[in-house]
Amino acid sequence: MKEAFERIKYLSYTGILFFYLSLNVVPSTETTCEERPMNEAKLPEDPYDKSVIDLKAIPYKIIYETYRETDGKKNWELFLINADATNAINLTGTKDIDEMYPHVSPDGSKICFVADEGSQENKVRNVYFMNVDGTGRVKVADNARESCWSPDGKTIAYLKGEFERYTITDYATKGLFFYDLATSKHREHLNAALHHLYNICWSPDGRWFLATVHGGMGFKHAILAINSEGNGVFDLTKYEVTGCRPDFALDGRNITWGATDWDLCVAKIDLTSPAPNVTDVRRVVSCEKEHEVYHADFSPDGKYITFSYGPEANEMVGGMAPSWNICVSDLSGKWVQITTDGNHNKEPDWVPIAKSDL
C-alpha cells in the first residue's frame, strides 16, 4: 500500500503517468482507511506463542518467495514448508533467476509464478508454471506478471507489463490475458480497457476476478470485482473493502485483503447477483505501526489465513523486505509467526491437498 519510493522511480520514465498525476488520479498513498474504528474491539498487535494454534494438525503446506543464498549467490527462490515451517524445500534452486509470487492450482498439483530473468537493461519479468515438486517448468508469457489459476486448473490468467522496461512496480500492467494449458494459446480479456491492475484472483465459480487498481480506469485506488467474461467492473469501496491484495476463499463466499499496512480483514461476499455484495467486514489481524502485514491468503478449508509480517519494507513482488516472516492466523485473531530466518519471506500461498496425496 505504501509505494512512494517505487512510484517516484517509475514516474521518472513514464510520461503517461505524469499525465495521470496532473488529473489527480494517482494519490499520494494507497491506504484508504488508515484509522481503525473507535468502536471495534482492539486486536493483539504482536504474534502469539506458537502453541495457541496446533500447526502440526493443519494438513496444508505453504509456498512463499524468499531471498537467500543459492550456490554462493543471493537471489529469490520459492520455498515449500509445512504449516509449522518444518520440512523446508527449495523448489527452484536457480541462482541466476529470481522466482517469486507463487500461486498453487486448485487441485494442488501445479504452481504458477513469475521469474525475473536477465540483467540490467535486458532484465524482464515472465510468467511460468511447473509441477508442485518443482519439475516440468513451462513458460507462459514474456513481460507478464501476477498470474492466477482458473477454478478447473486448465487456464492461467496473467497481466501484461505496461512497458518493455523492467520495473517491480506492481501496478505497471496493461491488459488481462488467458493462457490455455492444453493448447498453449493466449487470448485477451473482453475488456481491453483493463490496466494498472495487480494481485488478480479468480473466483471459485469462475465468473469473477478480484483485483487492486491503482491510478487507472478512472480510479485512484480501489479493490474491484471484474466479470471474467464481460465488461462489468464493480468498485467494492462502498462495502468498506478498501486497501489492496484481495483473495477469495475456496468456498467463494469469503474474502480477505489488506485494509492498511497494519490490518488484514475478512468478509462475506455474495456473487450470485449481477453485482457482488459484501457483508460482515471485520479486521482479523493487526500489528503495531513499526511493522506491517501483507499478502493474506485463505487456507483451503477456510479456517486460517497465512500472511507476511515484518518491519516497514517494500512489500511488492521482489521488493526487499529484511526480517519479514510468514505467519498463520485463525479467524478469531490469534496469529503466530512460523518462519524465523527473516529472509524477505513474502507472498505465501496455501497448497491444497492433491488427490494423489489423499
Protein backbone atom coordinates (compact mmCIF):
# COMPACT_ATOMS: atom_id res chain seq x y z
CA MET A 1 0.00 0.00 0.00
CA LYS A 2 2.85 2.35 0.71
CA GLU A 3 4.77 2.65 -2.55
CA ALA A 4 6.01 6.23 -2.70
CA PHE A 5 9.65 5.39 -3.37
CA GLU A 6 8.93 2.95 -6.19
CA ARG A 7 6.32 5.30 -7.62
CA ILE A 8 8.91 8.11 -7.88
CA LYS A 9 11.31 5.81 -9.76
CA TYR A 10 8.52 4.59 -12.01
CA LEU A 11 7.24 8.05 -12.89
CA SER A 12 10.77 9.17 -13.79
CA TYR A 13 10.47 7.31 -17.06
CA THR A 14 6.75 7.19 -17.74
CA GLY A 15 5.36 10.40 -19.12
CA ILE A 16 1.95 8.77 -19.30
CA LEU A 17 1.73 8.61 -15.54
CA PHE A 18 2.71 12.26 -15.27
CA PHE A 19 -0.50 12.88 -17.19
CA TYR A 20 -2.44 10.88 -14.60
CA LEU A 21 -0.85 12.91 -11.85
CA SER A 22 -1.95 16.12 -13.49
CA LEU A 23 -5.51 14.81 -13.29
CA ASN A 24 -5.01 13.88 -9.65
CA VAL A 25 -5.72 10.23 -10.49
CA VAL A 26 -2.72 8.80 -8.65
CA PRO A 27 -2.93 9.53 -4.93
CA SER A 28 -0.02 10.00 -2.56
CA THR A 29 -0.81 6.78 -0.70
CA GLU A 30 -2.68 3.56 -1.36
CA THR A 31 -4.10 3.37 2.15
CA THR A 32 -7.72 4.50 2.22
CA CYS A 33 -8.72 3.60 5.77
CA GLU A 34 -5.68 4.26 7.94
CA GLU A 35 -7.54 4.69 11.22
CA ARG A 36 -9.17 1.75 12.98
CA PRO A 37 -12.80 2.34 14.01
CA MET A 38 -13.15 3.50 17.61
CA ASN A 39 -15.95 1.02 18.31
CA GLU A 40 -14.04 -2.02 17.06
CA ALA A 41 -12.52 -4.38 19.62
CA LYS A 42 -8.77 -3.97 19.81
CA LEU A 43 -6.86 -6.91 18.37
CA PRO A 44 -3.48 -8.05 19.73
CA GLU A 45 -0.66 -6.35 17.83
CA ASP A 46 2.07 -8.94 18.36
CA PRO A 47 2.30 -12.61 17.44
CA TYR A 48 1.05 -15.14 19.97
CA ASP A 49 3.16 -18.01 21.21
CA LYS A 50 3.13 -20.78 18.60
CA SER A 51 1.31 -23.10 20.99
CA VAL A 52 -2.03 -21.25 20.56
CA ILE A 53 -2.52 -22.87 17.13
CA ASP A 54 -1.97 -26.59 16.57
CA LEU A 55 0.13 -26.01 13.46
CA LYS A 56 1.08 -29.67 13.10
CA ALA A 57 -2.58 -30.56 12.74
CA ILE A 58 -3.02 -28.28 9.72
CA PRO A 59 -2.73 -30.63 6.72
CA TYR A 60 -1.76 -28.00 4.13
CA LYS A 61 1.68 -26.82 3.09
CA ILE A 62 2.64 -23.22 2.32
CA ILE A 63 4.78 -21.92 -0.53
CA TYR A 64 6.37 -18.47 -0.50
CA GLU A 65 9.04 -16.27 -2.07
CA THR A 66 12.28 -15.82 -0.12
CA TYR A 67 15.59 -14.06 -0.76
CA ARG A 68 18.54 -16.19 0.29
CA GLU A 69 21.83 -17.66 -0.85
CA THR A 70 21.80 -20.32 -3.57
CA ASP A 71 25.16 -21.82 -4.61
CA GLY A 72 27.02 -18.84 -3.19
CA LYS A 73 24.75 -16.16 -4.69
CA LYS A 74 21.74 -14.42 -3.14
CA ASN A 75 18.54 -14.47 -5.15
CA TRP A 76 14.79 -15.08 -4.89
CA GLU A 77 13.62 -18.68 -4.59
CA LEU A 78 10.34 -20.47 -3.93
CA PHE A 79 10.26 -22.44 -0.67
CA LEU A 80 7.73 -25.07 0.36
CA ILE A 81 7.09 -25.76 4.07
CA ASN A 82 4.62 -27.49 6.35
CA ALA A 83 2.23 -25.22 8.24
CA ASP A 84 4.55 -25.41 11.25
CA ALA A 85 7.51 -24.39 9.00
CA THR A 86 9.14 -27.84 9.12
CA ASN A 87 10.42 -29.80 6.12
CA ALA A 88 11.52 -26.73 4.13
CA ILE A 89 12.26 -27.48 0.45
CA ASN A 90 13.76 -25.13 -2.14
CA LEU A 91 11.62 -25.82 -5.21
CA THR A 92 13.61 -23.70 -7.64
CA GLY A 93 17.33 -23.53 -6.78
CA THR A 94 18.30 -21.26 -9.69
CA LYS A 95 20.97 -18.78 -8.62
CA ASP A 96 20.70 -16.67 -11.80
CA ILE A 97 16.88 -16.44 -11.90
CA ASP A 98 14.57 -14.84 -9.34
CA GLU A 99 11.35 -16.82 -8.86
CA MET A 100 8.52 -15.11 -6.95
CA TYR A 101 4.77 -14.73 -6.48
CA PRO A 102 3.78 -18.43 -6.31
CA HIS A 103 0.15 -19.47 -6.71
CA VAL A 104 -0.93 -23.10 -6.47
CA SER A 105 -3.57 -24.64 -8.72
CA PRO A 106 -6.87 -25.60 -7.05
CA ASP A 107 -6.04 -29.30 -7.25
CA GLY A 108 -2.65 -28.77 -5.58
CA SER A 109 -0.66 -30.22 -8.49
CA LYS A 110 0.92 -27.14 -10.11
CA ILE A 111 2.34 -23.71 -9.30
CA CYS A 112 2.29 -20.59 -11.44
CA PHE A 113 4.83 -17.90 -10.62
CA VAL A 114 6.87 -15.04 -12.03
CA ALA A 115 10.57 -15.18 -12.83
CA ASP A 116 12.88 -12.21 -13.25
CA GLU A 117 15.45 -13.13 -15.89
CA GLY A 118 18.37 -11.31 -17.48
CA SER A 119 20.21 -8.31 -16.05
CA GLN A 120 20.30 -4.53 -16.28
CA GLU A 121 18.60 -3.26 -19.47
CA ASN A 122 17.84 -6.85 -20.55
CA LYS A 123 16.01 -7.78 -17.36
CA VAL A 124 12.42 -8.96 -17.82
CA ARG A 125 9.68 -10.47 -15.67
CA ASN A 126 7.95 -13.54 -17.17
CA VAL A 127 5.22 -15.94 -16.07
CA TYR A 128 5.80 -19.71 -15.76
CA PHE A 129 4.13 -22.76 -14.29
CA MET A 130 5.58 -26.02 -13.01
CA ASN A 131 4.63 -29.10 -11.03
CA VAL A 132 4.28 -28.66 -7.29
CA ASP A 133 7.53 -30.57 -6.76
CA GLY A 134 9.46 -28.05 -8.89
CA THR A 135 9.73 -30.16 -12.04
CA GLY A 136 8.38 -29.54 -15.53
CA ARG A 137 8.82 -25.77 -15.84
CA VAL A 138 6.88 -24.21 -18.74
CA LYS A 139 6.97 -20.56 -19.84
CA VAL A 140 3.53 -18.96 -20.12
CA ALA A 141 4.29 -15.40 -21.26
CA ASP A 142 7.09 -12.85 -21.61
CA ASN A 143 6.87 -9.45 -19.89
CA ALA A 144 3.98 -10.69 -17.75
CA ARG A 145 3.17 -10.75 -14.05
CA GLU A 146 0.85 -11.61 -11.15
CA SER A 147 -0.73 -14.79 -12.51
CA CYS A 148 -3.50 -16.93 -11.02
CA TRP A 149 -5.43 -20.13 -11.80
CA SER A 150 -8.90 -20.79 -13.14
CA PRO A 151 -11.07 -22.90 -10.82
CA ASP A 152 -10.61 -26.01 -13.00
CA GLY A 153 -6.84 -25.53 -13.22
CA LYS A 154 -6.90 -25.56 -17.03
CA THR A 155 -6.20 -21.84 -17.57
CA ILE A 156 -3.76 -19.29 -16.16
CA ALA A 157 -4.76 -15.64 -16.09
CA TYR A 158 -1.97 -13.06 -16.10
CA LEU A 159 -1.33 -9.34 -16.53
CA LYS A 160 0.93 -7.96 -19.23
CA GLY A 161 3.64 -5.46 -18.35
CA GLU A 162 2.70 -1.91 -19.30
CA PHE A 163 6.14 -1.14 -20.73
CA GLU A 164 9.08 -3.10 -22.08
CA ARG A 165 11.39 -1.58 -19.49
CA TYR A 166 11.66 -3.67 -16.32
CA THR A 167 10.10 -2.47 -13.09
CA ILE A 168 8.89 -4.11 -9.89
CA THR A 169 6.09 -1.54 -9.60
CA ASP A 170 3.08 -3.77 -9.09
CA TYR A 171 0.51 -1.69 -10.96
CA ALA A 172 2.66 -1.29 -14.11
CA THR A 173 0.27 -3.52 -16.08
CA LYS A 174 -1.88 -3.24 -19.16
CA GLY A 175 -4.33 -5.93 -20.20
CA LEU A 176 -5.59 -9.17 -18.67
CA PHE A 177 -4.87 -12.34 -20.64
CA PHE A 178 -5.67 -16.05 -20.51
CA TYR A 179 -3.34 -18.97 -21.27
CA ASP A 180 -4.84 -22.38 -22.05
CA LEU A 181 -2.56 -25.15 -20.73
CA ALA A 182 -3.83 -27.75 -23.20
CA THR A 183 -3.36 -25.67 -26.36
CA SER A 184 -0.74 -23.09 -25.22
CA LYS A 185 -2.95 -20.43 -26.81
CA HIS A 186 -3.44 -16.93 -25.42
CA ARG A 187 -6.44 -14.63 -25.58
CA GLU A 188 -7.15 -11.21 -24.13
CA HIS A 189 -9.98 -10.46 -21.74
CA LEU A 190 -13.05 -8.96 -23.45
CA ASN A 191 -12.47 -5.70 -21.58
CA ALA A 192 -9.37 -4.31 -23.28
CA ALA A 193 -9.51 -1.20 -21.07
CA LEU A 194 -8.25 -3.09 -18.01
CA HIS A 195 -4.98 -1.57 -16.84
CA HIS A 196 -2.99 -0.72 -13.71
CA LEU A 197 -4.40 -3.84 -12.05
CA TYR A 198 -2.43 -6.05 -9.72
CA ASN A 199 -2.96 -9.09 -7.49
CA ILE A 200 -5.72 -10.68 -9.58
CA CYS A 201 -7.63 -13.56 -8.01
CA TRP A 202 -10.15 -15.79 -9.85
CA SER A 203 -13.38 -16.69 -8.05
CA PRO A 204 -14.11 -20.38 -7.45
CA ASP A 205 -17.26 -20.15 -9.61
CA GLY A 206 -15.15 -18.81 -12.49
CA ARG A 207 -17.33 -15.72 -13.05
CA TRP A 208 -15.29 -13.01 -11.33
CA PHE A 209 -11.85 -11.61 -10.67
CA LEU A 210 -10.87 -9.59 -7.65
CA ALA A 211 -8.02 -7.15 -8.20
CA THR A 212 -6.48 -3.95 -6.93
CA VAL A 213 -6.37 -0.96 -9.30
CA HIS A 214 -4.05 1.97 -8.83
CA GLY A 215 -4.22 5.14 -10.93
CA GLY A 216 -6.10 3.55 -13.81
CA MET A 217 -9.54 3.03 -15.35
CA GLY A 218 -10.77 6.22 -13.69
CA PHE A 219 -9.92 5.01 -10.18
CA LYS A 220 -7.41 6.49 -7.76
CA HIS A 221 -7.09 3.29 -5.76
CA ALA A 222 -9.67 0.57 -5.18
CA ILE A 223 -10.42 -3.12 -4.89
CA LEU A 224 -12.51 -4.17 -7.88
CA ALA A 225 -14.70 -7.10 -8.84
CA ILE A 226 -14.40 -7.73 -12.58
CA ASN A 227 -16.52 -10.01 -14.76
CA SER A 228 -14.27 -12.78 -16.07
CA GLU A 229 -16.12 -12.93 -19.40
CA GLY A 230 -17.68 -9.49 -19.67
CA ASN A 231 -17.15 -5.77 -19.28
CA GLY A 232 -18.57 -5.36 -15.78
CA VAL A 233 -16.30 -3.60 -13.27
CA PHE A 234 -17.55 -3.01 -9.71
CA ASP A 235 -15.84 -0.88 -7.06
CA LEU A 236 -16.12 -2.56 -3.63
CA THR A 237 -15.28 0.61 -1.69
CA LYS A 238 -18.92 1.18 -0.73
CA TYR A 239 -18.77 -2.09 1.22
CA GLU A 240 -15.72 -0.88 3.20
CA VAL A 241 -13.50 -3.17 1.15
CA THR A 242 -10.61 -0.73 0.81
CA GLY A 243 -6.88 -1.28 0.64
CA CYS A 244 -5.23 -3.91 -1.55
CA ARG A 245 -4.41 -7.51 -2.43
CA PRO A 246 -7.75 -9.32 -2.10
CA ASP A 247 -8.05 -13.11 -2.05
CA PHE A 248 -11.02 -15.48 -2.35
CA ALA A 249 -11.58 -18.38 -0.02
CA LEU A 250 -12.10 -21.64 -1.90
CA ASP A 251 -15.77 -21.68 -0.93
CA GLY A 252 -16.27 -18.47 -2.94
CA ARG A 253 -18.24 -16.93 -0.06
CA ASN A 254 -15.44 -15.24 1.86
CA ILE A 255 -12.59 -12.86 1.02
CA THR A 256 -9.55 -11.46 2.79
CA TRP A 257 -7.41 -8.40 2.00
CA GLY A 258 -5.10 -5.80 3.48
CA ALA A 259 -7.06 -2.77 4.70
CA THR A 260 -3.95 -0.83 5.74
CA ASP A 261 -0.26 -1.58 6.18
CA TRP A 262 -1.15 -2.88 9.65
CA ASP A 263 -4.55 -4.55 9.29
CA LEU A 264 -5.90 -7.60 7.48
CA CYS A 265 -9.64 -8.04 7.02
CA VAL A 266 -12.11 -10.78 6.16
CA ALA A 267 -15.70 -10.51 4.92
CA LYS A 268 -18.52 -12.46 3.34
CA ILE A 269 -19.13 -11.97 -0.38
CA ASP A 270 -22.22 -12.88 -2.40
CA LEU A 271 -21.54 -13.47 -6.11
CA THR A 272 -24.95 -14.84 -7.04
CA SER A 273 -26.36 -11.47 -8.15
CA PRO A 274 -25.34 -9.42 -11.20
CA ALA A 275 -23.32 -7.16 -8.87
CA PRO A 276 -21.28 -8.52 -5.94
CA ASN A 277 -22.40 -7.78 -2.39
CA VAL A 278 -20.07 -7.77 0.64
CA THR A 279 -21.14 -8.01 4.29
CA ASP A 280 -19.69 -8.71 7.74
CA VAL A 281 -16.45 -6.81 7.19
CA ARG A 282 -14.08 -7.20 10.14
CA ARG A 283 -10.42 -6.97 10.96
CA VAL A 284 -8.80 -10.26 11.86
CA VAL A 285 -5.11 -9.31 12.19
CA SER A 286 -3.48 -6.09 13.37
CA CYS A 287 0.12 -5.21 14.13
CA GLU A 288 1.91 -2.23 15.68
CA LYS A 289 2.77 0.56 13.27
CA GLU A 290 6.51 -0.15 13.32
CA HIS A 291 5.67 -3.35 11.44
CA GLU A 292 3.44 -4.35 8.51
CA VAL A 293 1.18 -7.23 7.49
CA TYR A 294 0.55 -8.12 3.84
CA HIS A 295 -0.31 -10.85 1.33
CA ALA A 296 -3.20 -12.61 3.10
CA ASP A 297 -4.32 -15.99 1.71
CA PHE A 298 -7.14 -18.26 2.89
CA SER A 299 -6.36 -21.89 3.71
CA PRO A 300 -8.24 -24.44 1.56
CA ASP A 301 -10.61 -25.26 4.45
CA GLY A 302 -11.24 -21.56 5.15
CA LYS A 303 -10.16 -21.84 8.80
CA TYR A 304 -6.85 -19.95 8.60
CA ILE A 305 -5.05 -17.24 6.70
CA THR A 306 -1.35 -17.06 6.04
CA PHE A 307 0.40 -13.72 5.52
CA SER A 308 3.69 -11.82 5.58
CA TYR A 309 4.84 -9.80 8.60
CA GLY A 310 7.86 -7.66 9.37
CA PRO A 311 9.29 -4.17 9.86
CA GLU A 312 8.45 -1.46 7.32
CA ALA A 313 9.85 -2.50 3.93
CA ASN A 314 8.97 -2.94 0.25
CA GLU A 315 6.00 -5.32 0.04
CA MET A 316 5.91 -5.56 -3.77
CA VAL A 317 6.85 -8.74 -5.62
CA GLY A 318 10.64 -8.88 -5.49
CA GLY A 319 10.83 -5.91 -3.12
CA MET A 320 13.45 -6.24 -0.41
CA ALA A 321 11.86 -6.93 2.99
CA PRO A 322 14.54 -7.84 5.54
CA SER A 323 13.31 -9.57 8.71
CA TRP A 324 9.94 -10.43 7.14
CA ASN A 325 8.48 -13.80 8.02
CA ILE A 326 5.47 -15.97 7.25
CA CYS A 327 2.60 -16.13 9.76
CA VAL A 328 -0.61 -18.09 10.26
CA SER A 329 -3.78 -16.81 11.92
CA ASP A 330 -7.10 -18.36 12.79
CA LEU A 331 -10.23 -16.29 12.19
CA SER A 332 -10.51 -15.25 15.85
CA GLY A 333 -7.40 -13.09 15.53
CA LYS A 334 -4.88 -15.42 17.13
CA TRP A 335 -1.79 -15.32 14.92
CA VAL A 336 1.67 -16.82 15.14
CA GLN A 337 4.93 -16.37 13.27
CA ILE A 338 6.00 -19.67 11.72
CA THR A 339 9.30 -18.82 9.95
CA THR A 340 12.12 -17.18 11.89
CA ASP A 341 15.01 -16.61 9.46
CA GLY A 342 13.70 -13.25 8.21
CA ASN A 343 14.93 -13.90 4.66
CA HIS A 344 12.49 -11.46 2.99
CA ASN A 345 9.78 -14.12 3.28
CA LYS A 346 6.66 -12.91 1.44
CA GLU A 347 3.69 -13.80 -0.78
CA PRO A 348 2.64 -17.06 0.95
CA ASP A 349 0.11 -19.33 -0.72
CA TRP A 350 -1.53 -22.43 0.74
CA VAL A 351 -1.16 -25.72 -1.11
CA PRO A 352 -4.40 -27.71 -1.44
CA ILE A 353 -4.01 -31.44 -0.90
CA ALA A 354 -3.56 -33.09 -4.29
CA LYS A 355 -5.81 -36.09 -4.99
CA SER A 356 -2.71 -38.25 -5.38
CA ASP A 357 -1.80 -37.44 -1.75
CA LEU A 358 -5.17 -38.48 -0.31
